[in-house]
Amino acid sequence: MKQAKFSIGQCIQHRKFDYRGVVVDVDPEFQAPDVESPPQIAFRISGNEPWYHVLVDHSGREAYVSEHNLVEDDSGEPIDHPLLNQFLVESGQGSYQSVRKPS
């Protein structure tokens, strides 16, 4: 099984659809989640590669994206998404860390 290239809190950009986002979860391989993905890729499932749950910048949407469709976003710009604070806190320069759940 391939190790994930991107980590939770890392900002990414989609190669084909050119949107920015931030990773909030990683699956080691396709898991058919209950999140919206662009219909163009709904049935183009890649083999054993990581898949990422991504909050899409300036949209209020979540996407489920295979690793080969992503590149690192090094713009340093913050992500604007209404659910961001439920998952992550900004740690500076457009990067994020997981929110700790109270015990």
C-alpha atoms as a PDB file:
ATOM      1  CA  MET A   1       0.000   0.000   0.000  1.00  0.00           C
ATOM      2  CA  LYS A   2       1.276   3.449  -0.952  1.00  0.00           C
ATOM      3  CA  GLN A   3       2.058   5.983   1.786  1.00  0.00           C
ATOM      4  CA  ALA A   4       0.065   9.221   1.605  1.00  0.00           C
ATOM      5  CA  LYS A   5       1.910  12.129   0.010  1.00  0.00           C
ATOM      6  CA  PHE A   6      -0.316  14.790   1.649  1.00  0.00           C
ATOM      7  CA  SER A   7      -1.255  15.108   5.310  1.00  0.00           C
ATOM      8  CA  ILE A   8      -4.161  16.474   7.303  1.00  0.00           C
ATOM      9  CA  GLY A   9      -3.999  20.266   7.336  1.00  0.00           C
ATOM     10  CA  GLN A  10      -1.983  20.505   4.125  1.00  0.00           C
ATOM     11  CA  CYS A  11      -3.243  22.842   1.399  1.00  0.00           C
ATOM     12  CA  ILE A  12      -3.592  21.308  -2.045  1.00  0.00           C
ATOM     13  CA  GLN A  13      -4.640  22.203  -5.560  1.00  0.00           C
ATOM     14  CA  HIS A  14      -6.531  19.961  -7.968  1.00  0.00           C
ATOM     15  CA  ARG A  15      -4.530  19.356 -11.153  1.00  0.00           C
ATOM     16  CA  LYS A  16      -7.467  19.291 -13.565  1.00  0.00           C
ATOM     17  CA  PHE A  17     -10.205  21.379 -11.933  1.00  0.00           C
ATOM     18  CA  ASP A  18      -7.823  24.014 -10.529  1.00  0.00           C
ATOM     19  CA  TYR A  19      -9.494  24.461  -7.154  1.00  0.00           C
ATOM     20  CA  ARG A  20      -7.622  24.905  -3.878  1.00  0.00           C
ATOM     21  CA  GLY A  21      -8.491  23.163  -0.649  1.00  0.00           C
ATOM     22  CA  VAL A  22      -7.225  21.681   2.580  1.00  0.00           C
ATOM     23  CA  VAL A  23      -6.975  17.999   3.530  1.00  0.00           C
ATOM     24  CA  VAL A  24      -9.137  17.017   6.532  1.00  0.00           C
ATOM     25  CA  ASP A  25      -8.833  13.224   6.300  1.00  0.00           C
ATOM     26  CA  VAL A  26      -6.955  10.554   4.353  1.00  0.00           C
ATOM     27  CA  ASP A  27      -8.055   7.061   3.317  1.00  0.00           C
ATOM     28  CA  PRO A  28      -5.321   4.580   2.325  1.00  0.00           C
ATOM     29  CA  GLU A  29      -7.479   3.580  -0.677  1.00  0.00           C
ATOM     30  CA  PHE A  30     -10.913   4.423  -2.112  1.00  0.00           C
ATOM     31  CA  GLN A  31     -13.631   4.100   0.561  1.00  0.00           C
ATOM     32  CA  ALA A  32     -16.780   5.482  -1.204  1.00  0.00           C
ATOM     33  CA  PRO A  33     -17.552   8.227   1.342  1.00  0.00           C
ATOM     34  CA  ASP A  34     -20.746  10.244   1.634  1.00  0.00           C
ATOM     35  CA  VAL A  35     -19.193  13.456   0.304  1.00  0.00           C
ATOM     36  CA  GLU A  36     -19.715  15.252  -2.970  1.00  0.00           C
ATOM     37  CA  SER A  37     -17.136  14.674  -5.690  1.00  0.00           C
ATOM     38  CA  PRO A  38     -17.144  16.255  -9.124  1.00  0.00           C
ATOM     39  CA  PRO A  39     -19.281  14.023 -11.397  1.00  0.00           C
ATOM     40  CA  GLN A  40     -16.483  13.921 -13.957  1.00  0.00           C
ATOM     41  CA  ILE A  41     -14.413  11.675 -11.656  1.00  0.00           C
ATOM     42  CA  ALA A  42     -17.166   9.812  -9.828  1.00  0.00           C
ATOM     43  CA  PHE A  43     -16.377   6.525 -11.541  1.00  0.00           C
ATOM     44  CA  ARG A  44     -12.687   6.891 -12.409  1.00  0.00           C
ATOM     45  CA  ILE A  45     -11.304   4.997  -9.458  1.00  0.00           C
ATOM     46  CA  SER A  46      -7.548   4.553  -9.308  1.00  0.00           C
ATOM     47  CA  GLY A  47      -6.044   1.410  -7.827  1.00  0.00           C
ATOM     48  CA  ASN A  48      -4.311   1.332  -4.479  1.00  0.00           C
ATOM     49  CA  GLU A  49      -3.540   4.976  -3.864  1.00  0.00           C
ATOM     50  CA  PRO A  50      -4.567   7.311  -1.059  1.00  0.00           C
ATOM     51  CA  TRP A  51      -7.804   9.299  -1.350  1.00  0.00           C
ATOM     52  CA  TYR A  52      -8.299  12.626   0.412  1.00  0.00           C
ATOM     53  CA  HIS A  53     -11.261  14.366   2.029  1.00  0.00           C
ATOM     54  CA  VAL A  54     -10.802  17.997   1.026  1.00  0.00           C
ATOM     55  CA  LEU A  55     -12.592  21.193   2.055  1.00  0.00           C
ATOM     56  CA  VAL A  56     -12.805  23.213  -1.163  1.00  0.00           C
ATOM     57  CA  ASP A  57     -11.808  26.877  -0.862  1.00  0.00           C
ATOM     58  CA  HIS A  58     -14.556  29.503  -1.393  1.00  0.00           C
ATOM     59  CA  SER A  59     -17.280  26.935  -1.997  1.00  0.00           C
ATOM     60  CA  GLY A  60     -18.647  25.349   1.172  1.00  0.00           C
ATOM     61  CA  ARG A  61     -18.172  21.958  -0.529  1.00  0.00           C
ATOM     62  CA  GLU A  62     -16.200  18.864   0.331  1.00  0.00           C
ATOM     63  CA  ALA A  63     -14.502  16.707  -2.295  1.00  0.00           C
ATOM     64  CA  TYR A  64     -13.081  13.200  -2.272  1.00  0.00           C
ATOM     65  CA  VAL A  65      -9.997  13.137  -4.481  1.00  0.00           C
ATOM     66  CA  SER A  66      -7.379  10.576  -5.493  1.00  0.00           C
ATOM     67  CA  GLU A  67      -3.746  11.431  -4.853  1.00  0.00           C
ATOM     68  CA  HIS A  68      -2.712  11.554  -8.506  1.00  0.00           C
ATOM     69  CA  ASN A  69      -5.125  14.478  -9.029  1.00  0.00           C
ATOM     70  CA  LEU A  70      -3.483  16.678  -6.396  1.00  0.00           C
ATOM     71  CA  VAL A  71      -0.427  18.897  -6.119  1.00  0.00           C
ATOM     72  CA  GLU A  72       0.790  20.897  -3.139  1.00  0.00           C
ATOM     73  CA  ASP A  73      -0.511  24.448  -2.909  1.00  0.00           C
ATOM     74  CA  ASP A  74       2.315  26.694  -1.798  1.00  0.00           C
ATOM     75  CA  SER A  75       0.511  30.027  -2.197  1.00  0.00           C
ATOM     76  CA  GLY A  76       0.356  30.583   1.586  1.00  0.00           C
ATOM     77  CA  GLU A  77      -3.198  31.899   1.165  1.00  0.00           C
ATOM     78  CA  PRO A  78      -5.756  30.879   3.814  1.00  0.00           C
ATOM     79  CA  ILE A  79      -8.670  28.585   2.984  1.00  0.00           C
ATOM     80  CA  ASP A  80     -12.189  30.012   3.211  1.00  0.00           C
ATOM     81  CA  HIS A  81     -14.674  27.257   4.085  1.00  0.00           C
ATOM     82  CA  PRO A  82     -17.562  27.311   6.612  1.00  0.00           C
ATOM     83  CA  LEU A  83     -16.564  23.955   8.182  1.00  0.00           C
ATOM     84  CA  LEU A  84     -12.845  24.677   8.473  1.00  0.00           C
ATOM     85  CA  ASN A  85     -12.915  25.474  12.212  1.00  0.00           C
ATOM     86  CA  GLN A  86     -14.671  22.169  12.945  1.00  0.00           C
ATOM     87  CA  PHE A  87     -11.646  20.260  11.643  1.00  0.00           C
ATOM     88  CA  LEU A  88      -8.589  22.511  11.733  1.00  0.00           C
ATOM     89  CA  VAL A  89      -6.969  25.614  13.190  1.00  0.00           C
ATOM     90  CA  GLU A  90      -4.645  27.839  11.209  1.00  0.00           C
ATOM     91  CA  SER A  91      -1.013  27.451  12.179  1.00  0.00           C
ATOM     92  CA  GLY A  92       0.338  30.233   9.961  1.00  0.00           C
ATOM     93  CA  GLN A  93       1.340  30.762   6.315  1.00  0.00           C
ATOM     94  CA  GLY A  94      -1.759  28.951   5.005  1.00  0.00           C
ATOM     95  CA  SER A  95      -1.113  25.702   6.878  1.00  0.00           C
ATOM     96  CA  TYR A  96      -3.391  24.034   9.409  1.00  0.00           C
ATOM     97  CA  GLN A  97      -3.394  21.617  12.341  1.00  0.00           C
ATOM     98  CA  SER A  98      -6.108  19.253  13.593  1.00  0.00           C
ATOM     99  CA  VAL A  99      -8.512  20.534  16.193  1.00  0.00           C
ATOM    100  CA  ARG A 100      -8.226  18.482  19.379  1.00  0.00           C
ATOM    101  CA  LYS A 101     -11.459  17.073  20.704  1.00  0.00           C
ATOM    102  CA  PRO A 102     -12.042  17.621  24.440  1.00  0.00           C
ATOM    103  CA  SER A 103     -11.757  14.448  26.535  1.00  0.00           C
END
